Amino acid sequence: MSNKVKKNAVRAGAVIAATTAMLLMSSPAFALTRDDGDDPGPGLSVAETLGLYVAAPIILFLVIAGLVMAGDRKSPKQTD
């Protein structure tokens, strides 16, 4: 094996090892223990979740796009 191939293999192994370690450390098993002062609120319903993560961004996008279009419509057109 050439020196370049060995370097790439070692680099790939290091990336895989680091990624695996991070995934294991952030696994849900560590989330089962509550911290002091941890007081989660009630969960969201399906309608609340869809409204918050789907409808609100779409509405916000449409409002911003409408404001941009309205501002463009009022500005005078320049011709060269």
Protein backbone atom coordinates (compact mmCIF):
# COMPACT_ATOMS: atom_id res chain seq x y z
CA MET A 1 0.00 0.00 0.00
CA SER A 2 1.25 3.45 -0.78
CA ASN A 3 1.82 6.09 1.86
CA LYS A 4 -1.09 8.23 0.54
CA VAL A 5 -3.54 5.33 0.78
CA LYS A 6 -2.40 4.60 4.35
CA LYS A 7 -2.92 8.24 5.34
CA ASN A 8 -6.41 8.24 3.84
CA ALA A 9 -7.26 4.97 5.61
CA VAL A 10 -6.06 6.32 8.96
CA ARG A 11 -7.98 9.56 8.41
CA ALA A 12 -11.16 7.66 7.52
CA GLY A 13 -10.77 5.45 10.57
CA ALA A 14 -10.33 8.48 12.83
CA VAL A 15 -13.45 10.14 11.40
CA ILE A 16 -15.48 6.95 11.85
CA ALA A 17 -14.22 6.48 15.40
CA ALA A 18 -14.99 10.08 16.35
CA THR A 19 -18.44 9.92 14.79
CA THR A 20 -19.24 6.66 16.57
CA ALA A 21 -18.07 8.07 19.89
CA MET A 22 -20.23 11.18 19.48
CA LEU A 23 -23.27 9.11 18.55
CA LEU A 24 -22.82 6.84 21.55
CA MET A 25 -22.37 9.76 23.93
CA SER A 26 -25.51 11.47 22.68
CA SER A 27 -27.69 8.38 22.71
CA PRO A 28 -31.13 8.58 24.32
CA ALA A 29 -30.01 6.35 27.20
CA PHE A 30 -28.33 9.36 28.79
CA ALA A 31 -31.55 11.38 28.54
CA LEU A 32 -33.46 9.11 30.92
CA THR A 33 -32.05 10.67 34.07
CA ARG A 34 -33.53 13.99 35.05
CA ASP A 35 -31.35 16.87 36.16
CA ASP A 36 -32.10 18.97 39.22
CA GLY A 37 -34.60 21.64 38.28
CA ASP A 38 -35.66 19.82 35.13
CA ASP A 39 -39.36 20.47 34.70
CA PRO A 40 -40.58 19.60 31.21
CA GLY A 41 -43.89 21.06 30.22
CA PRO A 42 -46.80 19.24 28.63
CA GLY A 43 -46.30 17.92 25.11
CA LEU A 44 -47.71 19.52 22.00
CA SER A 45 -50.69 18.11 20.17
CA VAL A 46 -50.44 17.20 16.50
CA ALA A 47 -52.26 20.39 15.48
CA GLU A 48 -49.98 22.55 17.63
CA THR A 49 -46.89 20.85 16.24
CA LEU A 50 -48.02 21.30 12.63
CA GLY A 51 -48.97 24.90 13.29
CA LEU A 52 -45.65 25.70 14.93
CA TYR A 53 -43.29 23.87 12.59
CA VAL A 54 -45.19 23.93 9.27
CA ALA A 55 -47.83 26.67 9.11
CA ALA A 56 -45.93 29.41 10.98
CA PRO A 57 -42.80 29.25 8.76
CA ILE A 58 -44.92 29.22 5.60
CA ILE A 59 -46.95 32.21 6.78
CA LEU A 60 -43.79 34.05 7.82
CA PHE A 61 -42.22 33.36 4.40
CA LEU A 62 -45.33 34.65 2.62
CA VAL A 63 -45.44 37.81 4.74
CA ILE A 64 -41.76 38.57 4.08
CA ALA A 65 -42.15 37.83 0.35
CA GLY A 66 -45.22 40.08 0.23
CA LEU A 67 -43.35 42.92 1.93
CA VAL A 68 -40.45 42.58 -0.50
CA MET A 69 -42.81 42.59 -3.47
CA ALA A 70 -44.71 45.60 -2.10
CA GLY A 71 -41.46 47.50 -1.58
CA ASP A 72 -40.30 46.67 -5.09
CA ARG A 73 -43.60 47.84 -6.58
CA LYS A 74 -43.32 51.30 -4.97
CA SER A 75 -39.72 51.98 -5.99
CA PRO A 76 -39.29 53.91 -9.25
CA LYS A 77 -38.00 51.93 -12.17
CA GLN A 78 -34.65 53.12 -13.46
CA THR A 79 -33.82 52.77 -17.12
CA ASP A 80 -30.41 53.37 -18.62
